Protein backbone atom coordinates (compact mmCIF):
# COMPACT_ATOMS: atom_id res chain seq x y z
CA UNK A 1 0.00 0.00 0.00
CA UNK A 2 1.31 3.41 -0.93
CA UNK A 3 -0.22 6.86 -0.53
CA UNK A 4 0.98 9.75 -2.68
CA UNK A 5 0.91 12.94 -0.63
CA UNK A 6 -0.16 16.10 -2.44
CA UNK A 7 -0.63 18.39 0.53
CA UNK A 8 0.67 21.93 0.79
CA UNK A 9 4.10 22.15 2.37
CA UNK A 10 5.40 23.69 5.57
CA UNK A 11 8.16 26.30 5.42
CA UNK A 12 10.06 28.07 8.17
CA UNK A 13 8.41 31.42 7.46
CA UNK A 14 5.00 29.93 8.26
CA UNK A 15 5.94 28.69 11.71
CA UNK A 16 4.75 30.30 14.93
CA UNK A 17 7.55 31.70 17.13
CA UNK A 18 7.25 28.81 19.58
CA UNK A 19 5.95 25.22 19.37
CA UNK A 20 2.84 25.50 21.54
CA UNK A 21 1.38 28.18 19.27
CA UNK A 22 2.23 26.08 16.21
CA UNK A 23 0.70 23.01 17.85
CA UNK A 24 -2.49 24.97 18.51
CA UNK A 25 -2.74 25.93 14.84
CA UNK A 26 -2.40 22.34 13.68
CA UNK A 27 -4.58 20.93 16.46
CA UNK A 28 -7.47 23.23 15.52
CA UNK A 29 -6.99 22.44 11.83
CA UNK A 30 -7.11 18.72 12.62
CA UNK A 31 -10.36 19.18 14.53
CA UNK A 32 -11.83 21.31 11.73
CA UNK A 33 -10.85 18.64 9.18
CA UNK A 34 -12.89 16.06 11.10
CA UNK A 35 -9.98 14.07 12.53
CA UNK A 36 -11.62 11.71 15.00
CA UNK A 37 -10.23 12.25 18.50
CA UNK A 38 -7.58 14.69 17.36
CA UNK A 39 -6.30 14.61 20.94
CA UNK A 40 -5.38 10.92 20.67
CA UNK A 41 -1.62 10.47 20.92
CA UNK A 42 0.79 7.56 21.03
CA UNK A 43 2.75 7.71 24.27
CA UNK A 44 6.12 5.91 24.28
CA UNK A 45 8.04 5.20 27.47
CA UNK A 46 10.97 2.97 28.38
CA UNK A 47 11.93 1.06 31.49
CA UNK A 48 15.20 1.39 33.40
CA UNK A 49 16.88 -1.00 30.93
CA UNK A 50 15.73 1.04 27.93
CA UNK A 51 13.08 -1.45 26.75
CA UNK A 52 10.32 0.61 25.08
CA UNK A 53 6.54 0.35 25.14
CA UNK A 54 3.83 2.37 23.43
CA UNK A 55 0.10 2.91 23.79
CA UNK A 56 -2.54 5.44 22.75
CA UNK A 57 -3.75 7.89 25.38
CA UNK A 58 -5.73 11.12 25.23
CA UNK A 59 -4.28 14.59 25.60
CA UNK A 60 -6.28 16.32 28.34
CA UNK A 61 -4.60 19.71 28.37
CA UNK A 62 -1.57 21.62 27.20
CA UNK A 63 0.05 25.01 27.67
CA UNK A 64 3.52 26.52 27.73
CA UNK A 65 4.50 24.05 30.48
CA UNK A 66 3.77 20.96 28.39
CA UNK A 67 1.26 18.24 27.42
CA UNK A 68 -0.90 16.53 30.07
CA UNK A 69 -2.47 13.07 30.28
CA UNK A 70 -3.91 11.06 33.18
CA UNK A 71 -3.48 7.43 34.17
CA UNK A 72 -3.02 4.93 36.99
CA UNK A 73 0.40 5.46 38.60
CA UNK A 74 0.74 1.69 38.95
CA UNK A 75 0.20 1.01 35.24
CA UNK A 76 3.07 -0.07 33.00
CA UNK A 77 3.59 3.48 31.79
CA UNK A 78 3.47 4.78 35.35
CA UNK A 79 6.06 2.25 36.50
CA UNK A 80 8.30 3.02 33.54
CA UNK A 81 8.05 6.76 34.09
CA UNK A 82 9.00 6.27 37.74
CA UNK A 83 12.19 4.54 36.60
CA UNK A 84 12.87 6.65 33.50
CA UNK A 85 11.03 10.01 33.51
CA UNK A 86 11.29 10.71 29.79
CA UNK A 87 8.74 10.09 27.05
CA UNK A 88 7.73 10.75 23.47
CA UNK A 89 4.30 11.67 22.12
CA UNK A 90 3.08 11.19 18.56
CA UNK A 91 -0.06 12.80 17.17
CA UNK A 92 -0.90 10.88 13.93
CA UNK A 93 -3.22 13.16 11.94
CA UNK A 94 -3.14 10.87 8.92
CA UNK A 95 -5.99 12.46 6.95
CA UNK A 96 -3.89 15.65 6.76
CA UNK A 97 -0.63 13.74 6.19
CA UNK A 98 0.66 15.34 9.38
CA UNK A 99 2.41 14.20 12.52
CA UNK A 100 3.56 16.07 15.61
CA UNK A 101 6.29 14.41 17.67
CA UNK A 102 7.07 15.66 21.18
CA UNK A 103 10.02 14.50 23.27
CA UNK A 104 10.86 15.57 26.80
CA UNK A 105 11.04 14.84 30.48
CA UNK A 106 7.93 13.91 32.42
CA UNK A 107 6.68 15.21 35.75
CA UNK A 108 3.55 14.52 37.78
CA UNK A 109 0.97 17.29 37.88
CA UNK A 110 -0.17 18.59 41.26
CA UNK A 111 -2.98 16.86 43.12
CA UNK A 112 -5.17 19.96 42.84
CA UNK A 113 -4.90 19.80 39.05
CA UNK A 114 -5.61 16.07 39.10
CA UNK A 115 -8.68 16.54 41.32
CA UNK A 116 -10.01 19.35 39.13
CA UNK A 117 -9.78 17.14 36.05
CA UNK A 118 -11.17 14.05 37.83
CA UNK A 119 -14.33 15.98 38.71
CA UNK A 120 -14.97 16.63 34.99
CA UNK A 121 -14.96 12.91 34.13
CA UNK A 122 -18.29 11.11 33.68
CA UNK A 123 -19.45 9.22 36.76
CA UNK A 124 -18.76 5.87 35.11
CA UNK A 125 -15.21 6.86 34.21
CA UNK A 126 -14.59 7.93 37.80
CA UNK A 127 -15.70 4.51 39.01
CA UNK A 128 -13.64 2.82 36.30
CA UNK A 129 -10.49 4.49 37.61
CA UNK A 130 -11.08 2.76 40.96
CA UNK A 131 -12.17 -0.58 39.48
CA UNK A 132 -9.15 -1.16 37.24
CA UNK A 133 -5.73 -2.10 38.56
CA UNK A 134 -4.36 -0.96 35.23
CA UNK A 135 -1.86 -3.27 33.49
CA UNK A 136 -2.25 -5.96 36.21
CA UNK A 137 -3.53 -9.44 35.26
CA UNK A 138 -7.21 -10.09 36.01
CA UNK A 139 -9.03 -13.43 36.07
CA UNK A 140 -11.71 -12.36 33.61
CA UNK A 141 -14.15 -9.71 32.48
CA UNK A 142 -16.54 -10.83 35.19
CA UNK A 143 -14.08 -9.77 37.90
CA UNK A 144 -13.84 -6.25 36.45
CA UNK A 145 -17.61 -5.98 36.26
CA UNK A 146 -17.96 -7.26 39.85
CA UNK A 147 -15.57 -4.57 41.12
CA UNK A 148 -17.42 -1.93 39.13
CA UNK A 149 -20.81 -3.05 40.46
CA UNK A 150 -19.54 -2.82 44.05
CA UNK A 151 -18.32 0.73 43.43
CA UNK A 152 -21.63 1.63 41.80
CA UNK A 153 -23.44 0.58 44.97
CA UNK A 154 -20.98 2.51 47.15
CA UNK A 155 -21.04 5.66 45.01
CA UNK A 156 -24.40 5.96 43.21
CA UNK A 157 -24.92 8.53 40.48
CA UNK A 158 -24.89 12.04 41.94
CA UNK A 159 -22.65 11.16 44.88
CA UNK A 160 -19.09 12.47 44.80
CA UNK A 161 -16.38 9.92 43.98
CA UNK A 162 -13.02 10.57 45.68
CA UNK A 163 -9.91 10.81 43.53
CA UNK A 164 -7.96 7.55 43.74
CA UNK A 165 -4.59 8.14 45.41
CA UNK A 166 -2.97 5.86 42.82
CA UNK A 167 -4.28 7.85 39.86
CA UNK A 168 -3.26 11.22 38.46
CA UNK A 169 -1.74 13.33 35.75
CA UNK A 170 1.62 13.55 34.03
CA UNK A 171 3.02 16.46 32.07
CA UNK A 172 5.47 15.95 29.21
CA UNK A 173 7.74 19.00 29.29
CA UNK A 174 8.96 19.36 25.70
CA UNK A 175 12.63 19.53 24.83
CA UNK A 176 11.80 19.12 21.14
CA UNK A 177 8.63 19.32 19.05
CA UNK A 178 8.69 18.20 15.42
CA UNK A 179 6.06 19.12 12.85
CA UNK A 180 5.95 16.62 9.98
CA UNK A 181 4.06 17.34 6.76
CA UNK A 182 3.81 14.70 4.04
CA UNK A 183 4.93 15.88 0.57
CA UNK A 184 5.24 14.49 -2.93
CA UNK A 185 8.01 12.01 -3.76
CA UNK A 186 8.58 11.37 -0.05
CA UNK A 187 10.33 14.74 0.26
CA UNK A 188 8.41 15.50 3.43
CA UNK A 189 8.76 18.71 5.41
CA UNK A 190 10.13 18.13 8.92
CA UNK A 191 10.65 21.22 11.06
CA UNK A 192 11.75 20.70 14.64
CA UNK A 193 11.79 23.16 17.53
CA UNK A 194 14.59 22.57 20.03
CA UNK A 195 14.62 24.14 23.47
CA UNK A 196 17.59 26.52 23.58
CA UNK A 197 17.95 29.18 26.29
CA UNK A 198 20.29 31.16 24.04
CA UNK A 199 17.77 31.39 21.18
CA UNK A 200 15.13 34.14 20.87
CA UNK A 201 12.07 33.02 22.80
CA UNK A 202 13.95 29.98 24.09
CA UNK A 203 13.53 27.90 20.92
CA UNK A 204 15.46 27.34 17.71
CA UNK A 205 14.21 25.59 14.60
CA UNK A 206 15.99 23.13 12.36
CA UNK A 207 14.88 21.35 9.19
CA UNK A 208 15.40 17.60 9.03
CA UNK A 209 15.83 15.48 5.94
CA UNK A 210 12.74 13.33 5.33
C-alpha atoms as a PDB file:
ATOM      1  CA  UNK A   1       0.000   0.000   0.000  1.00  0.00           C
ATOM      2  CA  UNK A   2       1.312   3.414  -0.932  1.00  0.00           C
ATOM      3  CA  UNK A   3      -0.221   6.856  -0.532  1.00  0.00           C
ATOM      4  CA  UNK A   4       0.985   9.753  -2.682  1.00  0.00           C
ATOM      5  CA  UNK A   5       0.915  12.944  -0.629  1.00  0.00           C
ATOM      6  CA  UNK A   6      -0.164  16.101  -2.444  1.00  0.00           C
ATOM      7  CA  UNK A   7      -0.632  18.390   0.530  1.00  0.00           C
ATOM      8  CA  UNK A   8       0.668  21.933   0.789  1.00  0.00           C
ATOM      9  CA  UNK A   9       4.100  22.145   2.371  1.00  0.00           C
ATOM     10  CA  UNK A  10       5.404  23.688   5.569  1.00  0.00           C
ATOM     11  CA  UNK A  11       8.163  26.296   5.415  1.00  0.00           C
ATOM     12  CA  UNK A  12      10.060  28.074   8.167  1.00  0.00           C
ATOM     13  CA  UNK A  13       8.412  31.417   7.458  1.00  0.00           C
ATOM     14  CA  UNK A  14       5.001  29.934   8.263  1.00  0.00           C
ATOM     15  CA  UNK A  15       5.941  28.694  11.714  1.00  0.00           C
ATOM     16  CA  UNK A  16       4.755  30.301  14.926  1.00  0.00           C
ATOM     17  CA  UNK A  17       7.549  31.696  17.132  1.00  0.00           C
ATOM     18  CA  UNK A  18       7.245  28.807  19.581  1.00  0.00           C
ATOM     19  CA  UNK A  19       5.950  25.223  19.375  1.00  0.00           C
ATOM     20  CA  UNK A  20       2.845  25.497  21.545  1.00  0.00           C
ATOM     21  CA  UNK A  21       1.383  28.183  19.271  1.00  0.00           C
ATOM     22  CA  UNK A  22       2.229  26.085  16.208  1.00  0.00           C
ATOM     23  CA  UNK A  23       0.696  23.007  17.845  1.00  0.00           C
ATOM     24  CA  UNK A  24      -2.485  24.967  18.511  1.00  0.00           C
ATOM     25  CA  UNK A  25      -2.743  25.934  14.843  1.00  0.00           C
ATOM     26  CA  UNK A  26      -2.400  22.337  13.680  1.00  0.00           C
ATOM     27  CA  UNK A  27      -4.580  20.931  16.461  1.00  0.00           C
ATOM     28  CA  UNK A  28      -7.470  23.235  15.522  1.00  0.00           C
ATOM     29  CA  UNK A  29      -6.990  22.440  11.827  1.00  0.00           C
ATOM     30  CA  UNK A  30      -7.106  18.716  12.618  1.00  0.00           C
ATOM     31  CA  UNK A  31     -10.356  19.176  14.528  1.00  0.00           C
ATOM     32  CA  UNK A  32     -11.833  21.306  11.725  1.00  0.00           C
ATOM     33  CA  UNK A  33     -10.849  18.637   9.183  1.00  0.00           C
ATOM     34  CA  UNK A  34     -12.887  16.064  11.101  1.00  0.00           C
ATOM     35  CA  UNK A  35      -9.984  14.071  12.530  1.00  0.00           C
ATOM     36  CA  UNK A  36     -11.623  11.712  15.004  1.00  0.00           C
ATOM     37  CA  UNK A  37     -10.232  12.246  18.500  1.00  0.00           C
ATOM     38  CA  UNK A  38      -7.582  14.691  17.356  1.00  0.00           C
ATOM     39  CA  UNK A  39      -6.304  14.610  20.939  1.00  0.00           C
ATOM     40  CA  UNK A  40      -5.382  10.917  20.668  1.00  0.00           C
ATOM     41  CA  UNK A  41      -1.622  10.469  20.915  1.00  0.00           C
ATOM     42  CA  UNK A  42       0.792   7.563  21.032  1.00  0.00           C
ATOM     43  CA  UNK A  43       2.753   7.707  24.275  1.00  0.00           C
ATOM     44  CA  UNK A  44       6.121   5.909  24.282  1.00  0.00           C
ATOM     45  CA  UNK A  45       8.037   5.199  27.468  1.00  0.00           C
ATOM     46  CA  UNK A  46      10.966   2.967  28.377  1.00  0.00           C
ATOM     47  CA  UNK A  47      11.929   1.063  31.485  1.00  0.00           C
ATOM     48  CA  UNK A  48      15.198   1.386  33.396  1.00  0.00           C
ATOM     49  CA  UNK A  49      16.880  -0.996  30.925  1.00  0.00           C
ATOM     50  CA  UNK A  50      15.725   1.037  27.929  1.00  0.00           C
ATOM     51  CA  UNK A  51      13.084  -1.452  26.746  1.00  0.00           C
ATOM     52  CA  UNK A  52      10.324   0.609  25.082  1.00  0.00           C
ATOM     53  CA  UNK A  53       6.544   0.348  25.140  1.00  0.00           C
ATOM     54  CA  UNK A  54       3.830   2.375  23.432  1.00  0.00           C
ATOM     55  CA  UNK A  55       0.102   2.905  23.787  1.00  0.00           C
ATOM     56  CA  UNK A  56      -2.540   5.437  22.750  1.00  0.00           C
ATOM     57  CA  UNK A  57      -3.751   7.891  25.378  1.00  0.00           C
ATOM     58  CA  UNK A  58      -5.734  11.118  25.232  1.00  0.00           C
ATOM     59  CA  UNK A  59      -4.281  14.594  25.604  1.00  0.00           C
ATOM     60  CA  UNK A  60      -6.282  16.319  28.339  1.00  0.00           C
ATOM     61  CA  UNK A  61      -4.602  19.711  28.368  1.00  0.00           C
ATOM     62  CA  UNK A  62      -1.570  21.623  27.197  1.00  0.00           C
ATOM     63  CA  UNK A  63       0.048  25.010  27.673  1.00  0.00           C
ATOM     64  CA  UNK A  64       3.523  26.522  27.731  1.00  0.00           C
ATOM     65  CA  UNK A  65       4.500  24.052  30.476  1.00  0.00           C
ATOM     66  CA  UNK A  66       3.768  20.958  28.390  1.00  0.00           C
ATOM     67  CA  UNK A  67       1.258  18.238  27.423  1.00  0.00           C
ATOM     68  CA  UNK A  68      -0.901  16.527  30.068  1.00  0.00           C
ATOM     69  CA  UNK A  69      -2.474  13.073  30.278  1.00  0.00           C
ATOM     70  CA  UNK A  70      -3.912  11.060  33.178  1.00  0.00           C
ATOM     71  CA  UNK A  71      -3.477   7.432  34.175  1.00  0.00           C
ATOM     72  CA  UNK A  72      -3.024   4.927  36.987  1.00  0.00           C
ATOM     73  CA  UNK A  73       0.399   5.464  38.600  1.00  0.00           C
ATOM     74  CA  UNK A  74       0.739   1.686  38.947  1.00  0.00           C
ATOM     75  CA  UNK A  75       0.199   1.014  35.242  1.00  0.00           C
ATOM     76  CA  UNK A  76       3.065  -0.075  33.005  1.00  0.00           C
ATOM     77  CA  UNK A  77       3.592   3.483  31.790  1.00  0.00           C
ATOM     78  CA  UNK A  78       3.470   4.779  35.352  1.00  0.00           C
ATOM     79  CA  UNK A  79       6.059   2.246  36.495  1.00  0.00           C
ATOM     80  CA  UNK A  80       8.303   3.015  33.543  1.00  0.00           C
ATOM     81  CA  UNK A  81       8.047   6.765  34.093  1.00  0.00           C
ATOM     82  CA  UNK A  82       8.999   6.272  37.742  1.00  0.00           C
ATOM     83  CA  UNK A  83      12.195   4.536  36.599  1.00  0.00           C
ATOM     84  CA  UNK A  84      12.866   6.650  33.505  1.00  0.00           C
ATOM     85  CA  UNK A  85      11.029  10.005  33.511  1.00  0.00           C
ATOM     86  CA  UNK A  86      11.289  10.711  29.790  1.00  0.00           C
ATOM     87  CA  UNK A  87       8.736  10.088  27.050  1.00  0.00           C
ATOM     88  CA  UNK A  88       7.730  10.749  23.466  1.00  0.00           C
ATOM     89  CA  UNK A  89       4.298  11.674  22.123  1.00  0.00           C
ATOM     90  CA  UNK A  90       3.084  11.186  18.563  1.00  0.00           C
ATOM     91  CA  UNK A  91      -0.065  12.801  17.170  1.00  0.00           C
ATOM     92  CA  UNK A  92      -0.900  10.884  13.928  1.00  0.00           C
ATOM     93  CA  UNK A  93      -3.224  13.156  11.940  1.00  0.00           C
ATOM     94  CA  UNK A  94      -3.140  10.874   8.915  1.00  0.00           C
ATOM     95  CA  UNK A  95      -5.991  12.458   6.951  1.00  0.00           C
ATOM     96  CA  UNK A  96      -3.887  15.646   6.760  1.00  0.00           C
ATOM     97  CA  UNK A  97      -0.627  13.741   6.194  1.00  0.00           C
ATOM     98  CA  UNK A  98       0.658  15.344   9.377  1.00  0.00           C
ATOM     99  CA  UNK A  99       2.413  14.200  12.518  1.00  0.00           C
ATOM    100  CA  UNK A 100       3.558  16.067  15.605  1.00  0.00           C
ATOM    101  CA  UNK A 101       6.288  14.415  17.671  1.00  0.00           C
ATOM    102  CA  UNK A 102       7.070  15.658  21.177  1.00  0.00           C
ATOM    103  CA  UNK A 103      10.023  14.500  23.272  1.00  0.00           C
ATOM    104  CA  UNK A 104      10.862  15.570  26.802  1.00  0.00           C
ATOM    105  CA  UNK A 105      11.036  14.837  30.478  1.00  0.00           C
ATOM    106  CA  UNK A 106       7.929  13.914  32.422  1.00  0.00           C
ATOM    107  CA  UNK A 107       6.676  15.205  35.754  1.00  0.00           C
ATOM    108  CA  UNK A 108       3.547  14.517  37.783  1.00  0.00           C
ATOM    109  CA  UNK A 109       0.970  17.293  37.880  1.00  0.00           C
ATOM    110  CA  UNK A 110      -0.172  18.589  41.262  1.00  0.00           C
ATOM    111  CA  UNK A 111      -2.979  16.858  43.123  1.00  0.00           C
ATOM    112  CA  UNK A 112      -5.174  19.959  42.838  1.00  0.00           C
ATOM    113  CA  UNK A 113      -4.897  19.796  39.046  1.00  0.00           C
ATOM    114  CA  UNK A 114      -5.609  16.068  39.100  1.00  0.00           C
ATOM    115  CA  UNK A 115      -8.675  16.543  41.322  1.00  0.00           C
ATOM    116  CA  UNK A 116     -10.007  19.346  39.128  1.00  0.00           C
ATOM    117  CA  UNK A 117      -9.784  17.138  36.049  1.00  0.00           C
ATOM    118  CA  UNK A 118     -11.171  14.052  37.826  1.00  0.00           C
ATOM    119  CA  UNK A 119     -14.326  15.978  38.707  1.00  0.00           C
ATOM    120  CA  UNK A 120     -14.968  16.628  34.995  1.00  0.00           C
ATOM    121  CA  UNK A 121     -14.964  12.915  34.132  1.00  0.00           C
ATOM    122  CA  UNK A 122     -18.292  11.110  33.680  1.00  0.00           C
ATOM    123  CA  UNK A 123     -19.448   9.224  36.760  1.00  0.00           C
ATOM    124  CA  UNK A 124     -18.763   5.872  35.111  1.00  0.00           C
ATOM    125  CA  UNK A 125     -15.213   6.860  34.214  1.00  0.00           C
ATOM    126  CA  UNK A 126     -14.587   7.930  37.800  1.00  0.00           C
ATOM    127  CA  UNK A 127     -15.698   4.505  39.011  1.00  0.00           C
ATOM    128  CA  UNK A 128     -13.641   2.824  36.304  1.00  0.00           C
ATOM    129  CA  UNK A 129     -10.485   4.485  37.610  1.00  0.00           C
ATOM    130  CA  UNK A 130     -11.079   2.761  40.960  1.00  0.00           C
ATOM    131  CA  UNK A 131     -12.166  -0.584  39.482  1.00  0.00           C
ATOM    132  CA  UNK A 132      -9.151  -1.158  37.243  1.00  0.00           C
ATOM    133  CA  UNK A 133      -5.726  -2.097  38.565  1.00  0.00           C
ATOM    134  CA  UNK A 134      -4.357  -0.965  35.229  1.00  0.00           C
ATOM    135  CA  UNK A 135      -1.863  -3.273  33.492  1.00  0.00           C
ATOM    136  CA  UNK A 136      -2.255  -5.956  36.211  1.00  0.00           C
ATOM    137  CA  UNK A 137      -3.526  -9.441  35.262  1.00  0.00           C
ATOM    138  CA  UNK A 138      -7.214 -10.090  36.008  1.00  0.00           C
ATOM    139  CA  UNK A 139      -9.027 -13.435  36.069  1.00  0.00           C
ATOM    140  CA  UNK A 140     -11.706 -12.359  33.609  1.00  0.00           C
ATOM    141  CA  UNK A 141     -14.151  -9.707  32.482  1.00  0.00           C
ATOM    142  CA  UNK A 142     -16.543 -10.831  35.195  1.00  0.00           C
ATOM    143  CA  UNK A 143     -14.084  -9.775  37.898  1.00  0.00           C
ATOM    144  CA  UNK A 144     -13.843  -6.247  36.455  1.00  0.00           C
ATOM    145  CA  UNK A 145     -17.607  -5.980  36.264  1.00  0.00           C
ATOM    146  CA  UNK A 146     -17.957  -7.257  39.847  1.00  0.00           C
ATOM    147  CA  UNK A 147     -15.567  -4.572  41.120  1.00  0.00           C
ATOM    148  CA  UNK A 148     -17.420  -1.928  39.133  1.00  0.00           C
ATOM    149  CA  UNK A 149     -20.810  -3.046  40.463  1.00  0.00           C
ATOM    150  CA  UNK A 150     -19.539  -2.823  44.055  1.00  0.00           C
ATOM    151  CA  UNK A 151     -18.322   0.726  43.429  1.00  0.00           C
ATOM    152  CA  UNK A 152     -21.631   1.626  41.802  1.00  0.00           C
ATOM    153  CA  UNK A 153     -23.443   0.584  44.974  1.00  0.00           C
ATOM    154  CA  UNK A 154     -20.979   2.507  47.152  1.00  0.00           C
ATOM    155  CA  UNK A 155     -21.035   5.656  45.010  1.00  0.00           C
ATOM    156  CA  UNK A 156     -24.401   5.956  43.214  1.00  0.00           C
ATOM    157  CA  UNK A 157     -24.923   8.526  40.481  1.00  0.00           C
ATOM    158  CA  UNK A 158     -24.892  12.037  41.938  1.00  0.00           C
ATOM    159  CA  UNK A 159     -22.652  11.157  44.875  1.00  0.00           C
ATOM    160  CA  UNK A 160     -19.087  12.468  44.805  1.00  0.00           C
ATOM    161  CA  UNK A 161     -16.384   9.923  43.984  1.00  0.00           C
ATOM    162  CA  UNK A 162     -13.024  10.575  45.679  1.00  0.00           C
ATOM    163  CA  UNK A 163      -9.912  10.810  43.528  1.00  0.00           C
ATOM    164  CA  UNK A 164      -7.961   7.551  43.737  1.00  0.00           C
ATOM    165  CA  UNK A 165      -4.586   8.137  45.415  1.00  0.00           C
ATOM    166  CA  UNK A 166      -2.971   5.855  42.823  1.00  0.00           C
ATOM    167  CA  UNK A 167      -4.284   7.853  39.862  1.00  0.00           C
ATOM    168  CA  UNK A 168      -3.258  11.218  38.459  1.00  0.00           C
ATOM    169  CA  UNK A 169      -1.738  13.334  35.750  1.00  0.00           C
ATOM    170  CA  UNK A 170       1.616  13.551  34.031  1.00  0.00           C
ATOM    171  CA  UNK A 171       3.024  16.460  32.068  1.00  0.00           C
ATOM    172  CA  UNK A 172       5.474  15.946  29.212  1.00  0.00           C
ATOM    173  CA  UNK A 173       7.742  19.002  29.289  1.00  0.00           C
ATOM    174  CA  UNK A 174       8.965  19.357  25.705  1.00  0.00           C
ATOM    175  CA  UNK A 175      12.634  19.533  24.826  1.00  0.00           C
ATOM    176  CA  UNK A 176      11.799  19.119  21.141  1.00  0.00           C
ATOM    177  CA  UNK A 177       8.634  19.323  19.049  1.00  0.00           C
ATOM    178  CA  UNK A 178       8.693  18.196  15.416  1.00  0.00           C
ATOM    179  CA  UNK A 179       6.059  19.121  12.848  1.00  0.00           C
ATOM    180  CA  UNK A 180       5.946  16.622   9.979  1.00  0.00           C
ATOM    181  CA  UNK A 181       4.061  17.339   6.758  1.00  0.00           C
ATOM    182  CA  UNK A 182       3.812  14.703   4.038  1.00  0.00           C
ATOM    183  CA  UNK A 183       4.933  15.878   0.571  1.00  0.00           C
ATOM    184  CA  UNK A 184       5.242  14.494  -2.928  1.00  0.00           C
ATOM    185  CA  UNK A 185       8.008  12.006  -3.760  1.00  0.00           C
ATOM    186  CA  UNK A 186       8.577  11.371  -0.048  1.00  0.00           C
ATOM    187  CA  UNK A 187      10.328  14.741   0.264  1.00  0.00           C
ATOM    188  CA  UNK A 188       8.413  15.502   3.429  1.00  0.00           C
ATOM    189  CA  UNK A 189       8.758  18.713   5.415  1.00  0.00           C
ATOM    190  CA  UNK A 190      10.127  18.130   8.918  1.00  0.00           C
ATOM    191  CA  UNK A 191      10.648  21.217  11.060  1.00  0.00           C
ATOM    192  CA  UNK A 192      11.751  20.696  14.641  1.00  0.00           C
ATOM    193  CA  UNK A 193      11.785  23.155  17.529  1.00  0.00           C
ATOM    194  CA  UNK A 194      14.591  22.567  20.029  1.00  0.00           C
ATOM    195  CA  UNK A 195      14.622  24.139  23.474  1.00  0.00           C
ATOM    196  CA  UNK A 196      17.588  26.517  23.577  1.00  0.00           C
ATOM    197  CA  UNK A 197      17.947  29.184  26.294  1.00  0.00           C
ATOM    198  CA  UNK A 198      20.295  31.160  24.035  1.00  0.00           C
ATOM    199  CA  UNK A 199      17.765  31.394  21.179  1.00  0.00           C
ATOM    200  CA  UNK A 200      15.135  34.141  20.866  1.00  0.00           C
ATOM    201  CA  UNK A 201      12.072  33.016  22.795  1.00  0.00           C
ATOM    202  CA  UNK A 202      13.952  29.978  24.089  1.00  0.00           C
ATOM    203  CA  UNK A 203      13.533  27.896  20.916  1.00  0.00           C
ATOM    204  CA  UNK A 204      15.465  27.342  17.715  1.00  0.00           C
ATOM    205  CA  UNK A 205      14.209  25.593  14.601  1.00  0.00           C
ATOM    206  CA  UNK A 206      15.990  23.131  12.356  1.00  0.00           C
ATOM    207  CA  UNK A 207      14.878  21.354   9.186  1.00  0.00           C
ATOM    208  CA  UNK A 208      15.398  17.596   9.027  1.00  0.00           C
ATOM    209  CA  UNK A 209      15.830  15.480   5.944  1.00  0.00           C
ATOM    210  CA  UNK A 210      12.736  13.328   5.333  1.00  0.00           C
END
